[in-house]
Amino acid sequence: MKTNEGGIDRILRIVAGLALIGLTLNGNIGVWGWVGVVPLATGALGWCPLYTLLGINSCPMKKS
C-alpha cells in the first residue's frame, strides 16, 4: 500500500471522522454517523482505496 493522501487531506479526513463519531456518541445524529470510521481509518493509514481506483494521488512528490 503506497500512501496516496497528502498531509492536509489526511488531517481533514481525521477531523471529519472524529466529528461524525463524536456527534453520533452525543446523540445529535443517528447511527449513520458511524460512517465516520471510514474517513478516520483512511486518514490514519494515509491510503484511500477509492483514490487508487480513480487514479488520484494528493500526496506531494518526494524530492530525491
PDB file of N, CA and C in Angstrom:
ATOM      1  N   MET A   1       0.838  -1.185   0.000  1.00  0.00           N
ATOM      2  CA  MET A   1       0.000   0.000   0.000  1.00  0.00           C
ATOM      3  C   MET A   1       0.877   1.241   0.000  1.00  0.00           C
ATOM      4  N   LYS A   2       0.816   1.984  -1.077  1.00  0.00           N
ATOM      5  CA  LYS A   2       1.530   3.248  -1.136  1.00  0.00           C
ATOM      6  C   LYS A   2       0.625   4.352  -0.610  1.00  0.00           C
ATOM      7  N   THR A   3       1.217   5.324   0.020  1.00  0.00           N
ATOM      8  CA  THR A   3       0.453   6.467   0.509  1.00  0.00           C
ATOM      9  C   THR A   3      -0.050   7.266  -0.685  1.00  0.00           C
ATOM     10  N   ASN A   4      -1.346   7.567  -0.688  1.00  0.00           N
ATOM     11  CA  ASN A   4      -1.900   8.370  -1.782  1.00  0.00           C
ATOM     12  C   ASN A   4      -2.704   9.565  -1.262  1.00  0.00           C
ATOM     13  N   GLU A   5      -2.467   9.931  -0.009  1.00  0.00           N
ATOM     14  CA  GLU A   5      -3.125  11.098   0.576  1.00  0.00           C
ATOM     15  C   GLU A   5      -2.064  12.048   1.115  1.00  0.00           C
ATOM     16  N   GLY A   6      -2.236  13.326   0.816  1.00  0.00           N
ATOM     17  CA  GLY A   6      -1.329  14.345   1.321  1.00  0.00           C
ATOM     18  C   GLY A   6      -1.662  14.708   2.760  1.00  0.00           C
ATOM     19  N   GLY A   7      -0.848  15.558   3.346  1.00  0.00           N
ATOM     20  CA  GLY A   7      -0.998  15.934   4.747  1.00  0.00           C
ATOM     21  C   GLY A   7      -2.319  16.608   5.074  1.00  0.00           C
ATOM     22  N   ILE A   8      -2.702  17.586   4.265  1.00  0.00           N
ATOM     23  CA  ILE A   8      -3.957  18.309   4.517  1.00  0.00           C
ATOM     24  C   ILE A   8      -5.143  17.370   4.337  1.00  0.00           C
ATOM     25  N   ASP A   9      -5.087  16.546   3.317  1.00  0.00           N
ATOM     26  CA  ASP A   9      -6.145  15.566   3.056  1.00  0.00           C
ATOM     27  C   ASP A   9      -6.315  14.639   4.262  1.00  0.00           C
ATOM     28  N   ARG A  10      -5.216  14.171   4.792  1.00  0.00           N
ATOM     29  CA  ARG A  10      -5.267  13.264   5.941  1.00  0.00           C
ATOM     30  C   ARG A  10      -5.851  13.955   7.173  1.00  0.00           C
ATOM     31  N   ILE A  11      -5.424  15.186   7.429  1.00  0.00           N
ATOM     32  CA  ILE A  11      -5.923  15.928   8.594  1.00  0.00           C
ATOM     33  C   ILE A  11      -7.426  16.151   8.474  1.00  0.00           C
ATOM     34  N   LEU A  12      -7.885  16.560   7.288  1.00  0.00           N
ATOM     35  CA  LEU A  12      -9.319  16.804   7.091  1.00  0.00           C
ATOM     36  C   LEU A  12     -10.137  15.532   7.283  1.00  0.00           C
ATOM     37  N   ARG A  13      -9.621  14.399   6.801  1.00  0.00           N
ATOM     38  CA  ARG A  13     -10.330  13.130   6.968  1.00  0.00           C
ATOM     39  C   ARG A  13     -10.427  12.742   8.448  1.00  0.00           C
ATOM     40  N   ILE A  14      -9.333  12.904   9.169  1.00  0.00           N
ATOM     41  CA  ILE A  14      -9.329  12.541  10.589  1.00  0.00           C
ATOM     42  C   ILE A  14     -10.284  13.432  11.370  1.00  0.00           C
ATOM     43  N   VAL A  15     -10.249  14.730  11.099  1.00  0.00           N
ATOM     44  CA  VAL A  15     -11.142  15.664  11.804  1.00  0.00           C
ATOM     45  C   VAL A  15     -12.603  15.364  11.476  1.00  0.00           C
ATOM     46  N   ALA A  16     -12.908  15.125  10.208  1.00  0.00           N
ATOM     47  CA  ALA A  16     -14.288  14.824   9.814  1.00  0.00           C
ATOM     48  C   ALA A  16     -14.759  13.516  10.445  1.00  0.00           C
ATOM     49  N   GLY A  17     -13.901  12.509  10.443  1.00  0.00           N
ATOM     50  CA  GLY A  17     -14.257  11.225  11.044  1.00  0.00           C
ATOM     51  C   GLY A  17     -14.521  11.349  12.537  1.00  0.00           C
ATOM     52  N   LEU A  18     -13.640  12.057  13.232  1.00  0.00           N
ATOM     53  CA  LEU A  18     -13.831  12.244  14.669  1.00  0.00           C
ATOM     54  C   LEU A  18     -15.088  13.061  14.965  1.00  0.00           C
ATOM     55  N   ALA A  19     -15.369  14.056  14.121  1.00  0.00           N
ATOM     56  CA  ALA A  19     -16.570  14.874  14.316  1.00  0.00           C
ATOM     57  C   ALA A  19     -17.837  14.030  14.144  1.00  0.00           C
ATOM     58  N   LEU A  20     -17.881  13.205  13.114  1.00  0.00           N
ATOM     59  CA  LEU A  20     -19.058  12.353  12.890  1.00  0.00           C
ATOM     60  C   LEU A  20     -19.244  11.357  14.031  1.00  0.00           C
ATOM     61  N   ILE A  21     -18.167  10.735  14.470  1.00  0.00           N
ATOM     62  CA  ILE A  21     -18.265   9.773  15.568  1.00  0.00           C
ATOM     63  C   ILE A  21     -18.673  10.480  16.852  1.00  0.00           C
ATOM     64  N   GLY A  22     -18.113  11.666  17.092  1.00  0.00           N
ATOM     65  CA  GLY A  22     -18.485  12.436  18.282  1.00  0.00           C
ATOM     66  C   GLY A  22     -19.948  12.837  18.283  1.00  0.00           C
ATOM     67  N   LEU A  23     -20.458  13.265  17.134  1.00  0.00           N
ATOM     68  CA  LEU A  23     -21.871  13.635  17.035  1.00  0.00           C
ATOM     69  C   LEU A  23     -22.776  12.424  17.243  1.00  0.00           C
ATOM     70  N   THR A  24     -22.333  11.274  16.785  1.00  0.00           N
ATOM     71  CA  THR A  24     -23.114  10.056  16.988  1.00  0.00           C
ATOM     72  C   THR A  24     -23.152   9.680  18.459  1.00  0.00           C
ATOM     73  N   LEU A  25     -21.998   9.723  19.103  1.00  0.00           N
ATOM     74  CA  LEU A  25     -21.936   9.376  20.531  1.00  0.00           C
ATOM     75  C   LEU A  25     -22.720  10.362  21.387  1.00  0.00           C
ATOM     76  N   ASN A  26     -22.784  11.609  20.918  1.00  0.00           N
ATOM     77  CA  ASN A  26     -23.506  12.650  21.636  1.00  0.00           C
ATOM     78  C   ASN A  26     -25.016  12.550  21.429  1.00  0.00           C
ATOM     79  N   GLY A  27     -25.427  11.806  20.429  1.00  0.00           N
ATOM     80  CA  GLY A  27     -26.850  11.644  20.155  1.00  0.00           C
ATOM     81  C   GLY A  27     -27.416  12.688  19.216  1.00  0.00           C
ATOM     82  N   ASN A  28     -26.572  13.502  18.610  1.00  0.00           N
ATOM     83  CA  ASN A  28     -27.047  14.543  17.706  1.00  0.00           C
ATOM     84  C   ASN A  28     -27.451  13.999  16.343  1.00  0.00           C
ATOM     85  N   ILE A  29     -26.767  12.969  15.885  1.00  0.00           N
ATOM     86  CA  ILE A  29     -27.128  12.330  14.623  1.00  0.00           C
ATOM     87  C   ILE A  29     -27.288  10.841  14.878  1.00  0.00           C
ATOM     88  N   GLY A  30     -27.946  10.172  13.978  1.00  0.00           N
ATOM     89  CA  GLY A  30     -28.245   8.748  14.176  1.00  0.00           C
ATOM     90  C   GLY A  30     -27.038   7.853  13.940  1.00  0.00           C
ATOM     91  N   VAL A  31     -27.344   6.600  13.728  1.00  0.00           N
ATOM     92  CA  VAL A  31     -26.293   5.596  13.568  1.00  0.00           C
ATOM     93  C   VAL A  31     -25.485   5.794  12.288  1.00  0.00           C
ATOM     94  N   TRP A  32     -25.979   6.582  11.343  1.00  0.00           N
ATOM     95  CA  TRP A  32     -25.222   6.836  10.126  1.00  0.00           C
ATOM     96  C   TRP A  32     -23.938   7.597  10.409  1.00  0.00           C
ATOM     97  N   GLY A  33     -23.834   8.194  11.555  1.00  0.00           N
ATOM     98  CA  GLY A  33     -22.612   8.895  11.931  1.00  0.00           C
ATOM     99  C   GLY A  33     -21.418   7.967  12.090  1.00  0.00           C
ATOM    100  N   TRP A  34     -21.697   6.681  12.270  1.00  0.00           N
ATOM    101  CA  TRP A  34     -20.596   5.716  12.387  1.00  0.00           C
ATOM    102  C   TRP A  34     -19.839   5.546  11.083  1.00  0.00           C
ATOM    103  N   VAL A  35     -20.378   6.105  10.000  1.00  0.00           N
ATOM    104  CA  VAL A  35     -19.648   6.096   8.735  1.00  0.00           C
ATOM    105  C   VAL A  35     -18.361   6.925   8.877  1.00  0.00           C
ATOM    106  N   GLY A  36     -18.262   7.703   9.926  1.00  0.00           N
ATOM    107  CA  GLY A  36     -17.053   8.473  10.223  1.00  0.00           C
ATOM    108  C   GLY A  36     -15.838   7.606  10.489  1.00  0.00           C
ATOM    109  N   VAL A  37     -16.058   6.326  10.722  1.00  0.00           N
ATOM    110  CA  VAL A  37     -14.938   5.404  10.915  1.00  0.00           C
ATOM    111  C   VAL A  37     -14.130   5.294   9.617  1.00  0.00           C
ATOM    112  N   VAL A  38     -14.800   5.395   8.476  1.00  0.00           N
ATOM    113  CA  VAL A  38     -14.122   5.241   7.182  1.00  0.00           C
ATOM    114  C   VAL A  38     -13.118   6.371   6.949  1.00  0.00           C
ATOM    115  N   PRO A  39     -13.532   7.653   7.010  1.00  0.00           N
ATOM    116  CA  PRO A  39     -12.516   8.695   6.802  1.00  0.00           C
ATOM    117  C   PRO A  39     -11.459   8.710   7.907  1.00  0.00           C
ATOM    118  N   LEU A  40     -11.835   8.333   9.112  1.00  0.00           N
ATOM    119  CA  LEU A  40     -10.853   8.257  10.184  1.00  0.00           C
ATOM    120  C   LEU A  40      -9.790   7.207   9.883  1.00  0.00           C
ATOM    121  N   ALA A  41     -10.206   6.045   9.434  1.00  0.00           N
ATOM    122  CA  ALA A  41      -9.266   4.973   9.120  1.00  0.00           C
ATOM    123  C   ALA A  41      -8.403   5.318   7.911  1.00  0.00           C
ATOM    124  N   THR A  42      -9.016   5.863   6.853  1.00  0.00           N
ATOM    125  CA  THR A  42      -8.226   6.187   5.666  1.00  0.00           C
ATOM    126  C   THR A  42      -7.253   7.329   5.955  1.00  0.00           C
ATOM    127  N   GLY A  43      -7.664   8.269   6.787  1.00  0.00           N
ATOM    128  CA  GLY A  43      -6.751   9.349   7.163  1.00  0.00           C
ATOM    129  C   GLY A  43      -5.604   8.860   8.022  1.00  0.00           C
ATOM    130  N   ALA A  44      -5.878   7.931   8.915  1.00  0.00           N
ATOM    131  CA  ALA A  44      -4.827   7.386   9.777  1.00  0.00           C
ATOM    132  C   ALA A  44      -3.837   6.540   8.978  1.00  0.00           C
ATOM    133  N   LEU A  45      -4.348   5.803   8.000  1.00  0.00           N
ATOM    134  CA  LEU A  45      -3.479   4.944   7.192  1.00  0.00           C
ATOM    135  C   LEU A  45      -2.758   5.719   6.088  1.00  0.00           C
ATOM    136  N   GLY A  46      -3.365   6.819   5.632  1.00  0.00           N
ATOM    137  CA  GLY A  46      -2.781   7.584   4.534  1.00  0.00           C
ATOM    138  C   GLY A  46      -3.039   6.964   3.181  1.00  0.00           C
ATOM    139  N   TRP A  47      -3.957   6.043   3.103  1.00  0.00           N
ATOM    140  CA  TRP A  47      -4.267   5.329   1.868  1.00  0.00           C
ATOM    141  C   TRP A  47      -5.769   5.216   1.707  1.00  0.00           C
ATOM    142  N   CYS A  48      -6.259   5.613   0.549  1.00  0.00           N
ATOM    143  CA  CYS A  48      -7.683   5.548   0.255  1.00  0.00           C
ATOM    144  C   CYS A  48      -7.903   4.616  -0.933  1.00  0.00           C
ATOM    145  N   PRO A  49      -8.679   3.546  -0.756  1.00  0.00           N
ATOM    146  CA  PRO A  49      -8.899   2.630  -1.871  1.00  0.00           C
ATOM    147  C   PRO A  49      -9.626   3.279  -3.052  1.00  0.00           C
ATOM    148  N   LEU A  50     -10.511   4.229  -2.786  1.00  0.00           N
ATOM    149  CA  LEU A  50     -11.215   4.910  -3.874  1.00  0.00           C
ATOM    150  C   LEU A  50     -10.247   5.754  -4.691  1.00  0.00           C
ATOM    151  N   TYR A  51      -9.294   6.402  -4.029  1.00  0.00           N
ATOM    152  CA  TYR A  51      -8.271   7.156  -4.745  1.00  0.00           C
ATOM    153  C   TYR A  51      -7.484   6.231  -5.671  1.00  0.00           C
ATOM    154  N   THR A  52      -7.203   5.016  -5.209  1.00  0.00           N
ATOM    155  CA  THR A  52      -6.460   4.058  -6.021  1.00  0.00           C
ATOM    156  C   THR A  52      -7.264   3.691  -7.266  1.00  0.00           C
ATOM    157  N   LEU A  53      -8.556   3.440  -7.097  1.00  0.00           N
ATOM    158  CA  LEU A  53      -9.405   3.079  -8.235  1.00  0.00           C
ATOM    159  C   LEU A  53      -9.521   4.205  -9.253  1.00  0.00           C
ATOM    160  N   LEU A  54      -9.588   5.437  -8.762  1.00  0.00           N
ATOM    161  CA  LEU A  54      -9.757   6.588  -9.640  1.00  0.00           C
ATOM    162  C   LEU A  54      -8.434   7.160 -10.131  1.00  0.00           C
ATOM    163  N   GLY A  55      -7.319   6.661  -9.618  1.00  0.00           N
ATOM    164  CA  GLY A  55      -6.007   7.145 -10.028  1.00  0.00           C
ATOM    165  C   GLY A  55      -5.653   8.503  -9.457  1.00  0.00           C
ATOM    166  N   ILE A  56      -6.218   8.851  -8.305  1.00  0.00           N
ATOM    167  CA  ILE A  56      -5.961  10.138  -7.665  1.00  0.00           C
ATOM    168  C   ILE A  56      -4.842   9.969  -6.647  1.00  0.00           C
ATOM    169  N   ASN A  57      -3.985  10.978  -6.558  1.00  0.00           N
ATOM    170  CA  ASN A  57      -2.917  10.963  -5.569  1.00  0.00           C
ATOM    171  C   ASN A  57      -2.714  12.392  -5.084  1.00  0.00           C
ATOM    172  N   SER A  58      -3.063  12.678  -3.842  1.00  0.00           N
ATOM    173  CA  SER A  58      -2.887  14.031  -3.302  1.00  0.00           C
ATOM    174  C   SER A  58      -1.607  14.153  -2.488  1.00  0.00           C
ATOM    175  N   CYS A  59      -0.818  13.107  -2.484  1.00  0.00           N
ATOM    176  CA  CYS A  59       0.446  13.092  -1.754  1.00  0.00           C
ATOM    177  C   CYS A  59       1.502  13.831  -2.591  1.00  0.00           C
ATOM    178  N   PRO A  60       2.204  14.799  -1.983  1.00  0.00           N
ATOM    179  CA  PRO A  60       3.210  15.511  -2.765  1.00  0.00           C
ATOM    180  C   PRO A  60       4.366  14.597  -3.141  1.00  0.00           C
ATOM    181  N   MET A  61       5.002  14.905  -4.238  1.00  0.00           N
ATOM    182  CA  MET A  61       6.136  14.103  -4.692  1.00  0.00           C
ATOM    183  C   MET A  61       7.317  14.320  -3.757  1.00  0.00           C
ATOM    184  N   LYS A  62       8.013  13.250  -3.469  1.00  0.00           N
ATOM    185  CA  LYS A  62       9.185  13.328  -2.597  1.00  0.00           C
ATOM    186  C   LYS A  62      10.396  13.748  -3.414  1.00  0.00           C
ATOM    187  N   LYS A  63      11.201  14.649  -2.842  1.00  0.00           N
ATOM    188  CA  LYS A  63      12.407  15.108  -3.525  1.00  0.00           C
ATOM    189  C   LYS A  63      13.533  14.115  -3.270  1.00  0.00           C
ATOM    190  N   SER A  64      14.328  13.860  -4.298  1.00  0.00           N
ATOM    191  CA  SER A  64      15.431  12.922  -4.148  1.00  0.00           C
ATOM    192  C   SER A  64      16.665  13.607  -3.634  1.00  0.00           C
TER     193      SER A  64
END
